[in-house]
Amino acid sequence: MTGAATQSSVKVIGANGQISLGKQFAGRQVLVEEQEPGVWLVRTASVIPDNERWLQPPQVAADLQKALAWAQANPPADANADVIMERLNAQV
C-alpha cells in the first residue's frame, strides 16, 4: 500500500439512496464493498464481460494484436464476388 494521503468529505445520502462522488467519476464503474455495517469501500474498477475474458491472457492479446496489424497491412483486394464463390465451391 502506498503512503498516499487520505481525503475525507461529508456526503449526504439522498432520498433515493444515492451519493455523488463528483463529475470526474461520471460513467465509471465502481466496486462497493460493505466491510461492516455502515462502512463501505468504494473502488473504481474495469469490468470485463465473461464472453470477452478469453482475450485477456497476454499471449492471446499479443496474437490478436499481431493479427490486427497483419489485417491492416494487407487490406482485402477488390475482387468479384462471383469469382470468389466459384473458387470456394471448387474447394468443396
PDB file of N, CA and C in Angstrom:
ATOM      1  N   MET A   1       0.842  -1.174   0.000  1.00  0.00           N
ATOM      2  CA  MET A   1       0.000   0.000   0.000  1.00  0.00           C
ATOM      3  C   MET A   1       0.890   1.241   0.000  1.00  0.00           C
ATOM      4  N   THR A   2       0.513   2.225  -0.790  1.00  0.00           N
ATOM      5  CA  THR A   2       1.298   3.439  -0.879  1.00  0.00           C
ATOM      6  C   THR A   2       0.966   4.378   0.267  1.00  0.00           C
ATOM      7  N   GLY A   3       1.806   5.351   0.471  1.00  0.00           N
ATOM      8  CA  GLY A   3       1.604   6.308   1.546  1.00  0.00           C
ATOM      9  C   GLY A   3       0.809   7.515   1.099  1.00  0.00           C
ATOM     10  N   ALA A   4      -0.128   7.344   0.182  1.00  0.00           N
ATOM     11  CA  ALA A   4      -0.929   8.454  -0.326  1.00  0.00           C
ATOM     12  C   ALA A   4      -1.803   9.014   0.791  1.00  0.00           C
ATOM     13  N   ALA A   5      -2.003  10.322   0.743  1.00  0.00           N
ATOM     14  CA  ALA A   5      -2.841  10.983   1.748  1.00  0.00           C
ATOM     15  C   ALA A   5      -4.298  10.599   1.539  1.00  0.00           C
ATOM     16  N   THR A   6      -5.016  10.414   2.611  1.00  0.00           N
ATOM     17  CA  THR A   6      -6.433  10.097   2.554  1.00  0.00           C
ATOM     18  C   THR A   6      -7.239  11.374   2.635  1.00  0.00           C
ATOM     19  N   GLN A   7      -8.198  11.520   1.725  1.00  0.00           N
ATOM     20  CA  GLN A   7      -9.071  12.677   1.746  1.00  0.00           C
ATOM     21  C   GLN A   7     -10.435  12.251   2.248  1.00  0.00           C
ATOM     22  N   SER A   8     -11.006  13.047   3.135  1.00  0.00           N
ATOM     23  CA  SER A   8     -12.337  12.763   3.652  1.00  0.00           C
ATOM     24  C   SER A   8     -13.267  13.889   3.262  1.00  0.00           C
ATOM     25  N   SER A   9     -14.510  13.548   3.017  1.00  0.00           N
ATOM     26  CA  SER A   9     -15.531  14.556   2.772  1.00  0.00           C
ATOM     27  C   SER A   9     -16.851  14.019   3.293  1.00  0.00           C
ATOM     28  N   VAL A  10     -17.738  14.919   3.616  1.00  0.00           N
ATOM     29  CA  VAL A  10     -19.056  14.540   4.117  1.00  0.00           C
ATOM     30  C   VAL A  10     -20.030  14.581   2.953  1.00  0.00           C
ATOM     31  N   LYS A  11     -20.741  13.486   2.730  1.00  0.00           N
ATOM     32  CA  LYS A  11     -21.762  13.385   1.687  1.00  0.00           C
ATOM     33  C   LYS A  11     -23.073  13.027   2.359  1.00  0.00           C
ATOM     34  N   VAL A  12     -24.157  13.450   1.754  1.00  0.00           N
ATOM     35  CA  VAL A  12     -25.490  13.128   2.273  1.00  0.00           C
ATOM     36  C   VAL A  12     -26.122  12.129   1.313  1.00  0.00           C
ATOM     37  N   ILE A  13     -26.595  11.022   1.864  1.00  0.00           N
ATOM     38  CA  ILE A  13     -27.294  10.035   1.055  1.00  0.00           C
ATOM     39  C   ILE A  13     -28.692  10.569   0.804  1.00  0.00           C
ATOM     40  N   GLY A  14     -29.036  10.722  -0.477  1.00  0.00           N
ATOM     41  CA  GLY A  14     -30.330  11.273  -0.853  1.00  0.00           C
ATOM     42  C   GLY A  14     -31.475  10.316  -0.579  1.00  0.00           C
ATOM     43  N   ALA A  15     -32.684  10.811  -0.774  1.00  0.00           N
ATOM     44  CA  ALA A  15     -33.887  10.016  -0.533  1.00  0.00           C
ATOM     45  C   ALA A  15     -33.932   8.767  -1.415  1.00  0.00           C
ATOM     46  N   ASN A  16     -33.260   8.833  -2.561  1.00  0.00           N
ATOM     47  CA  ASN A  16     -33.244   7.672  -3.463  1.00  0.00           C
ATOM     48  C   ASN A  16     -32.100   6.711  -3.155  1.00  0.00           C
ATOM     49  N   GLY A  17     -31.327   6.980  -2.094  1.00  0.00           N
ATOM     50  CA  GLY A  17     -30.245   6.089  -1.674  1.00  0.00           C
ATOM     51  C   GLY A  17     -28.939   6.313  -2.413  1.00  0.00           C
ATOM     52  N   GLN A  18     -28.785   7.449  -3.090  1.00  0.00           N
ATOM     53  CA  GLN A  18     -27.577   7.701  -3.859  1.00  0.00           C
ATOM     54  C   GLN A  18     -26.730   8.795  -3.243  1.00  0.00           C
ATOM     55  N   ILE A  19     -25.401   8.710  -3.538  1.00  0.00           N
ATOM     56  CA  ILE A  19     -24.487   9.794  -3.203  1.00  0.00           C
ATOM     57  C   ILE A  19     -23.733  10.157  -4.481  1.00  0.00           C
ATOM     58  N   SER A  20     -23.228  11.373  -4.534  1.00  0.00           N
ATOM     59  CA  SER A  20     -22.451  11.820  -5.683  1.00  0.00           C
ATOM     60  C   SER A  20     -20.974  11.823  -5.303  1.00  0.00           C
ATOM     61  N   LEU A  21     -20.152  11.222  -6.161  1.00  0.00           N
ATOM     62  CA  LEU A  21     -18.711  11.205  -5.916  1.00  0.00           C
ATOM     63  C   LEU A  21     -17.996  12.300  -6.699  1.00  0.00           C
ATOM     64  N   GLY A  22     -18.713  13.000  -7.553  1.00  0.00           N
ATOM     65  CA  GLY A  22     -18.137  14.085  -8.345  1.00  0.00           C
ATOM     66  C   GLY A  22     -18.143  13.754  -9.825  1.00  0.00           C
ATOM     67  N   LYS A  23     -18.152  14.809 -10.635  1.00  0.00           N
ATOM     68  CA  LYS A  23     -18.230  14.630 -12.085  1.00  0.00           C
ATOM     69  C   LYS A  23     -17.032  13.896 -12.660  1.00  0.00           C
ATOM     70  N   GLN A  24     -15.879  13.959 -11.994  1.00  0.00           N
ATOM     71  CA  GLN A  24     -14.705  13.275 -12.521  1.00  0.00           C
ATOM     72  C   GLN A  24     -14.893  11.762 -12.562  1.00  0.00           C
ATOM     73  N   PHE A  25     -15.866  11.244 -11.848  1.00  0.00           N
ATOM     74  CA  PHE A  25     -16.129   9.809 -11.831  1.00  0.00           C
ATOM     75  C   PHE A  25     -17.378   9.435 -12.630  1.00  0.00           C
ATOM     76  N   ALA A  26     -17.986  10.387 -13.304  1.00  0.00           N
ATOM     77  CA  ALA A  26     -19.219  10.134 -14.060  1.00  0.00           C
ATOM     78  C   ALA A  26     -18.982   9.032 -15.090  1.00  0.00           C
ATOM     79  N   GLY A  27     -19.865   8.069 -15.118  1.00  0.00           N
ATOM     80  CA  GLY A  27     -19.798   6.985 -16.079  1.00  0.00           C
ATOM     81  C   GLY A  27     -18.845   5.857 -15.719  1.00  0.00           C
ATOM     82  N   ARG A  28     -18.065   6.027 -14.681  1.00  0.00           N
ATOM     83  CA  ARG A  28     -17.108   4.972 -14.278  1.00  0.00           C
ATOM     84  C   ARG A  28     -17.833   3.863 -13.535  1.00  0.00           C
ATOM     85  N   GLN A  29     -17.305   2.660 -13.634  1.00  0.00           N
ATOM     86  CA  GLN A  29     -17.815   1.543 -12.857  1.00  0.00           C
ATOM     87  C   GLN A  29     -17.031   1.483 -11.553  1.00  0.00           C
ATOM     88  N   VAL A  30     -17.710   1.124 -10.486  1.00  0.00           N
ATOM     89  CA  VAL A  30     -17.060   1.025  -9.189  1.00  0.00           C
ATOM     90  C   VAL A  30     -17.469  -0.271  -8.501  1.00  0.00           C
ATOM     91  N   LEU A  31     -16.603  -0.746  -7.638  1.00  0.00           N
ATOM     92  CA  LEU A  31     -16.920  -1.846  -6.740  1.00  0.00           C
ATOM     93  C   LEU A  31     -17.266  -1.230  -5.390  1.00  0.00           C
ATOM     94  N   VAL A  32     -18.349  -1.669  -4.809  1.00  0.00           N
ATOM     95  CA  VAL A  32     -18.753  -1.182  -3.494  1.00  0.00           C
ATOM     96  C   VAL A  32     -18.760  -2.390  -2.564  1.00  0.00           C
ATOM     97  N   GLU A  33     -17.901  -2.345  -1.560  1.00  0.00           N
ATOM     98  CA  GLU A  33     -17.787  -3.449  -0.605  1.00  0.00           C
ATOM     99  C   GLU A  33     -18.224  -2.953   0.768  1.00  0.00           C
ATOM    100  N   GLU A  34     -19.176  -3.660   1.353  1.00  0.00           N
ATOM    101  CA  GLU A  34     -19.574  -3.325   2.721  1.00  0.00           C
ATOM    102  C   GLU A  34     -18.669  -4.126   3.645  1.00  0.00           C
ATOM    103  N   GLN A  35     -17.741  -3.436   4.294  1.00  0.00           N
ATOM    104  CA  GLN A  35     -16.764  -4.101   5.145  1.00  0.00           C
ATOM    105  C   GLN A  35     -17.349  -4.464   6.505  1.00  0.00           C
ATOM    106  N   GLU A  36     -18.277  -3.675   6.967  1.00  0.00           N
ATOM    107  CA  GLU A  36     -19.047  -3.940   8.180  1.00  0.00           C
ATOM    108  C   GLU A  36     -20.252  -3.013   8.102  1.00  0.00           C
ATOM    109  N   PRO A  37     -21.264  -3.215   8.921  1.00  0.00           N
ATOM    110  CA  PRO A  37     -22.439  -2.347   8.830  1.00  0.00           C
ATOM    111  C   PRO A  37     -22.055  -0.870   8.926  1.00  0.00           C
ATOM    112  N   GLY A  38     -22.427  -0.113   7.875  1.00  0.00           N
ATOM    113  CA  GLY A  38     -22.159   1.319   7.859  1.00  0.00           C
ATOM    114  C   GLY A  38     -20.779   1.711   7.346  1.00  0.00           C
ATOM    115  N   VAL A  39     -19.958   0.732   6.960  1.00  0.00           N
ATOM    116  CA  VAL A  39     -18.617   1.032   6.446  1.00  0.00           C
ATOM    117  C   VAL A  39     -18.497   0.444   5.040  1.00  0.00           C
ATOM    118  N   TRP A  40     -18.312   1.337   4.055  1.00  0.00           N
ATOM    119  CA  TRP A  40     -18.205   0.913   2.669  1.00  0.00           C
ATOM    120  C   TRP A  40     -16.868   1.328   2.084  1.00  0.00           C
ATOM    121  N   LEU A  41     -16.331   0.477   1.249  1.00  0.00           N
ATOM    122  CA  LEU A  41     -15.134   0.790   0.491  1.00  0.00           C
ATOM    123  C   LEU A  41     -15.568   0.878  -0.972  1.00  0.00           C
ATOM    124  N   VAL A  42     -15.323   2.036  -1.598  1.00  0.00           N
ATOM    125  CA  VAL A  42     -15.705   2.254  -2.990  1.00  0.00           C
ATOM    126  C   VAL A  42     -14.425   2.369  -3.808  1.00  0.00           C
ATOM    127  N   ARG A  43     -14.282   1.492  -4.813  1.00  0.00           N
ATOM    128  CA  ARG A  43     -13.083   1.490  -5.653  1.00  0.00           C
ATOM    129  C   ARG A  43     -13.488   1.510  -7.120  1.00  0.00           C
ATOM    130  N   THR A  44     -12.788   2.331  -7.933  1.00  0.00           N
ATOM    131  CA  THR A  44     -13.040   2.295  -9.366  1.00  0.00           C
ATOM    132  C   THR A  44     -12.559   0.949  -9.901  1.00  0.00           C
ATOM    133  N   ALA A  45     -13.223   0.476 -10.957  1.00  0.00           N
ATOM    134  CA  ALA A  45     -12.906  -0.837 -11.491  1.00  0.00           C
ATOM    135  C   ALA A  45     -13.177  -0.875 -12.987  1.00  0.00           C
ATOM    136  N   SER A  46     -12.511  -1.795 -13.664  1.00  0.00           N
ATOM    137  CA  SER A  46     -12.802  -2.109 -15.054  1.00  0.00           C
ATOM    138  C   SER A  46     -13.362  -3.516 -15.065  1.00  0.00           C
ATOM    139  N   VAL A  47     -14.583  -3.657 -15.524  1.00  0.00           N
ATOM    140  CA  VAL A  47     -15.248  -4.949 -15.528  1.00  0.00           C
ATOM    141  C   VAL A  47     -15.154  -5.538 -16.930  1.00  0.00           C
ATOM    142  N   ILE A  48     -14.753  -6.784 -17.016  1.00  0.00           N
ATOM    143  CA  ILE A  48     -14.613  -7.469 -18.299  1.00  0.00           C
ATOM    144  C   ILE A  48     -15.773  -8.454 -18.437  1.00  0.00           C
ATOM    145  N   PRO A  49     -16.576  -8.305 -19.494  1.00  0.00           N
ATOM    146  CA  PRO A  49     -17.675  -9.265 -19.697  1.00  0.00           C
ATOM    147  C   PRO A  49     -17.133 -10.690 -19.834  1.00  0.00           C
ATOM    148  N   ASP A  50     -17.888 -11.673 -19.357  1.00  0.00           N
ATOM    149  CA  ASP A  50     -17.445 -13.069 -19.399  1.00  0.00           C
ATOM    150  C   ASP A  50     -17.092 -13.523 -20.810  1.00  0.00           C
ATOM    151  N   ASN A  51     -17.872 -13.082 -21.809  1.00  0.00           N
ATOM    152  CA  ASN A  51     -17.615 -13.551 -23.171  1.00  0.00           C
ATOM    153  C   ASN A  51     -16.400 -12.891 -23.814  1.00  0.00           C
ATOM    154  N   GLU A  52     -15.750 -11.922 -23.128  1.00  0.00           N
ATOM    155  CA  GLU A  52     -14.535 -11.293 -23.634  1.00  0.00           C
ATOM    156  C   GLU A  52     -13.309 -11.628 -22.773  1.00  0.00           C
ATOM    157  N   ARG A  53     -13.514 -12.387 -21.719  1.00  0.00           N
ATOM    158  CA  ARG A  53     -12.433 -12.710 -20.794  1.00  0.00           C
ATOM    159  C   ARG A  53     -11.314 -13.519 -21.463  1.00  0.00           C
ATOM    160  N   TRP A  54     -11.656 -14.318 -22.477  1.00  0.00           N
ATOM    161  CA  TRP A  54     -10.655 -15.141 -23.164  1.00  0.00           C
ATOM    162  C   TRP A  54      -9.595 -14.287 -23.855  1.00  0.00           C
ATOM    163  N   LEU A  55      -9.886 -13.013 -24.100  1.00  0.00           N
ATOM    164  CA  LEU A  55      -8.931 -12.122 -24.757  1.00  0.00           C
ATOM    165  C   LEU A  55      -7.876 -11.573 -23.807  1.00  0.00           C
ATOM    166  N   GLN A  56      -7.991 -11.800 -22.529  1.00  0.00           N
ATOM    167  CA  GLN A  56      -7.122 -11.174 -21.541  1.00  0.00           C
ATOM    168  C   GLN A  56      -5.754 -11.805 -21.338  1.00  0.00           C
ATOM    169  N   PRO A  57      -5.582 -13.126 -21.500  1.00  0.00           N
ATOM    170  CA  PRO A  57      -4.224 -13.670 -21.302  1.00  0.00           C
ATOM    171  C   PRO A  57      -3.229 -12.983 -22.242  1.00  0.00           C
ATOM    172  N   PRO A  58      -2.020 -12.694 -21.769  1.00  0.00           N
ATOM    173  CA  PRO A  58      -1.044 -11.947 -22.574  1.00  0.00           C
ATOM    174  C   PRO A  58      -0.782 -12.539 -23.958  1.00  0.00           C
ATOM    175  N   GLN A  59      -0.670 -13.866 -24.060  1.00  0.00           N
ATOM    176  CA  GLN A  59      -0.375 -14.465 -25.368  1.00  0.00           C
ATOM    177  C   GLN A  59      -1.535 -14.277 -26.336  1.00  0.00           C
ATOM    178  N   VAL A  60      -2.762 -14.416 -25.852  1.00  0.00           N
ATOM    179  CA  VAL A  60      -3.929 -14.220 -26.713  1.00  0.00           C
ATOM    180  C   VAL A  60      -4.002 -12.765 -27.164  1.00  0.00           C
ATOM    181  N   ALA A  61      -3.784 -11.844 -26.247  1.00  0.00           N
ATOM    182  CA  ALA A  61      -3.809 -10.419 -26.599  1.00  0.00           C
ATOM    183  C   ALA A  61      -2.716 -10.101 -27.616  1.00  0.00           C
ATOM    184  N   ALA A  62      -1.537 -10.680 -27.458  1.00  0.00           N
ATOM    185  CA  ALA A  62      -0.433 -10.455 -28.403  1.00  0.00           C
ATOM    186  C   ALA A  62      -0.780 -11.031 -29.777  1.00  0.00           C
ATOM    187  N   ASP A  63      -1.357 -12.234 -29.804  1.00  0.00           N
ATOM    188  CA  ASP A  63      -1.758 -12.845 -31.073  1.00  0.00           C
ATOM    189  C   ASP A  63      -2.805 -11.995 -31.778  1.00  0.00           C
ATOM    190  N   LEU A  64      -3.750 -11.465 -31.018  1.00  0.00           N
ATOM    191  CA  LEU A  64      -4.796 -10.620 -31.600  1.00  0.00           C
ATOM    192  C   LEU A  64      -4.188  -9.346 -32.178  1.00  0.00           C
ATOM    193  N   GLN A  65      -3.270  -8.725 -31.448  1.00  0.00           N
ATOM    194  CA  GLN A  65      -2.626  -7.509 -31.953  1.00  0.00           C
ATOM    195  C   GLN A  65      -1.843  -7.804 -33.229  1.00  0.00           C
ATOM    196  N   LYS A  66      -1.183  -8.953 -33.280  1.00  0.00           N
ATOM    197  CA  LYS A  66      -0.430  -9.347 -34.466  1.00  0.00           C
ATOM    198  C   LYS A  66      -1.380  -9.541 -35.650  1.00  0.00           C
ATOM    199  N   ALA A  67      -2.504 -10.190 -35.418  1.00  0.00           N
ATOM    200  CA  ALA A  67      -3.481 -10.422 -36.483  1.00  0.00           C
ATOM    201  C   ALA A  67      -4.079  -9.109 -36.979  1.00  0.00           C
ATOM    202  N   LEU A  68      -4.379  -8.203 -36.053  1.00  0.00           N
ATOM    203  CA  LEU A  68      -4.929  -6.903 -36.454  1.00  0.00           C
ATOM    204  C   LEU A  68      -3.916  -6.099 -37.261  1.00  0.00           C
ATOM    205  N   ALA A  69      -2.644  -6.149 -36.864  1.00  0.00           N
ATOM    206  CA  ALA A  69      -1.594  -5.444 -37.611  1.00  0.00           C
ATOM    207  C   ALA A  69      -1.461  -6.036 -39.010  1.00  0.00           C
ATOM    208  N   TRP A  70      -1.517  -7.373 -39.118  1.00  0.00           N
ATOM    209  CA  TRP A  70      -1.439  -8.014 -40.431  1.00  0.00           C
ATOM    210  C   TRP A  70      -2.605  -7.596 -41.298  1.00  0.00           C
ATOM    211  N   ALA A  71      -3.819  -7.597 -40.729  1.00  0.00           N
ATOM    212  CA  ALA A  71      -5.013  -7.233 -41.499  1.00  0.00           C
ATOM    213  C   ALA A  71      -4.937  -5.783 -41.976  1.00  0.00           C
ATOM    214  N   GLN A  72      -4.379  -4.916 -41.166  1.00  0.00           N
ATOM    215  CA  GLN A  72      -4.247  -3.518 -41.561  1.00  0.00           C
ATOM    216  C   GLN A  72      -3.201  -3.352 -42.667  1.00  0.00           C
ATOM    217  N   ALA A  73      -2.124  -4.131 -42.603  1.00  0.00           N
ATOM    218  CA  ALA A  73      -1.061  -4.046 -43.611  1.00  0.00           C
ATOM    219  C   ALA A  73      -1.425  -4.778 -44.899  1.00  0.00           C
ATOM    220  N   ASN A  74      -2.415  -5.655 -44.843  1.00  0.00           N
ATOM    221  CA  ASN A  74      -2.818  -6.446 -46.008  1.00  0.00           C
ATOM    222  C   ASN A  74      -4.310  -6.298 -46.260  1.00  0.00           C
ATOM    223  N   PRO A  75      -4.733  -5.124 -46.732  1.00  0.00           N
ATOM    224  CA  PRO A  75      -6.172  -4.924 -46.947  1.00  0.00           C
ATOM    225  C   PRO A  75      -6.690  -5.872 -48.023  1.00  0.00           C
ATOM    226  N   PRO A  76      -7.964  -6.202 -47.958  1.00  0.00           N
ATOM    227  CA  PRO A  76      -8.516  -7.116 -48.964  1.00  0.00           C
ATOM    228  C   PRO A  76      -8.479  -6.457 -50.342  1.00  0.00           C
ATOM    229  N   ALA A  77      -8.177  -7.273 -51.328  1.00  0.00           N
ATOM    230  CA  ALA A  77      -8.157  -6.775 -52.703  1.00  0.00           C
ATOM    231  C   ALA A  77      -9.587  -6.732 -53.225  1.00  0.00           C
ATOM    232  N   ASP A  78      -9.850  -5.773 -54.094  1.00  0.00           N
ATOM    233  CA  ASP A  78     -11.160  -5.735 -54.729  1.00  0.00           C
ATOM    234  C   ASP A  78     -11.280  -6.977 -55.604  1.00  0.00           C
ATOM    235  N   ALA A  79     -12.301  -7.732 -55.384  1.00  0.00           N
ATOM    236  CA  ALA A  79     -12.482  -8.956 -56.152  1.00  0.00           C
ATOM    237  C   ALA A  79     -13.960  -9.115 -56.475  1.00  0.00           C
ATOM    238  N   ASN A  80     -14.199  -9.808 -57.519  1.00  0.00           N
ATOM    239  CA  ASN A  80     -15.560 -10.074 -57.945  1.00  0.00           C
ATOM    240  C   ASN A  80     -16.128 -11.184 -57.052  1.00  0.00           C
ATOM    241  N   ALA A  81     -17.295 -10.953 -56.478  1.00  0.00           N
ATOM    242  CA  ALA A  81     -17.898 -11.925 -55.564  1.00  0.00           C
ATOM    243  C   ALA A  81     -18.182 -13.242 -56.270  1.00  0.00           C
ATOM    244  N   ASP A  82     -18.539 -13.201 -57.550  1.00  0.00           N
ATOM    245  CA  ASP A  82     -18.819 -14.439 -58.281  1.00  0.00           C
ATOM    246  C   ASP A  82     -17.561 -15.296 -58.412  1.00  0.00           C
ATOM    247  N   VAL A  83     -16.424 -14.660 -58.665  1.00  0.00           N
ATOM    248  CA  VAL A  83     -15.158 -15.394 -58.789  1.00  0.00           C
ATOM    249  C   VAL A  83     -14.806 -16.040 -57.450  1.00  0.00           C
ATOM    250  N   ILE A  84     -14.987 -15.318 -56.370  1.00  0.00           N
ATOM    251  CA  ILE A  84     -14.702 -15.853 -55.035  1.00  0.00           C
ATOM    252  C   ILE A  84     -15.599 -17.052 -54.750  1.00  0.00           C
ATOM    253  N   MET A  85     -16.882 -16.950 -55.057  1.00  0.00           N
ATOM    254  CA  MET A  85     -17.806 -18.059 -54.808  1.00  0.00           C
ATOM    255  C   MET A  85     -17.428 -19.285 -55.656  1.00  0.00           C
ATOM    256  N   GLU A  86     -17.016 -19.062 -56.913  1.00  0.00           N
ATOM    257  CA  GLU A  86     -16.590 -20.181 -57.753  1.00  0.00           C
ATOM    258  C   GLU A  86     -15.387 -20.888 -57.147  1.00  0.00           C
ATOM    259  N   ARG A  87     -14.416 -20.116 -56.636  1.00  0.00           N
ATOM    260  CA  ARG A  87     -13.236 -20.712 -56.018  1.00  0.00           C
ATOM    261  C   ARG A  87     -13.603 -21.500 -54.768  1.00  0.00           C
ATOM    262  N   LEU A  88     -14.495 -20.933 -53.965  1.00  0.00           N
ATOM    263  CA  LEU A  88     -14.926 -21.641 -52.750  1.00  0.00           C
ATOM    264  C   LEU A  88     -15.668 -22.918 -53.086  1.00  0.00           C
ATOM    265  N   ASN A  89     -16.553 -22.846 -54.056  1.00  0.00           N
ATOM    266  CA  ASN A  89     -17.313 -24.033 -54.453  1.00  0.00           C
ATOM    267  C   ASN A  89     -16.405 -25.099 -55.049  1.00  0.00           C
ATOM    268  N   ALA A  90     -15.346 -24.696 -55.714  1.00  0.00           N
ATOM    269  CA  ALA A  90     -14.419 -25.650 -56.312  1.00  0.00           C
ATOM    270  C   ALA A  90     -13.631 -26.403 -55.233  1.00  0.00           C
ATOM    271  N   GLN A  91     -13.458 -25.788 -54.073  1.00  0.00           N
ATOM    272  CA  GLN A  91     -12.707 -26.420 -52.988  1.00  0.00           C
ATOM    273  C   GLN A  91     -13.537 -27.441 -52.222  1.00  0.00           C
ATOM    274  N   VAL A  92     -14.835 -27.367 -52.359  1.00  0.00           N
ATOM    275  CA  VAL A  92     -15.728 -28.246 -51.592  1.00  0.00           C
ATOM    276  C   VAL A  92     -15.816 -29.613 -52.184  1.00  0.00           C
TER     277      VAL A  92
END
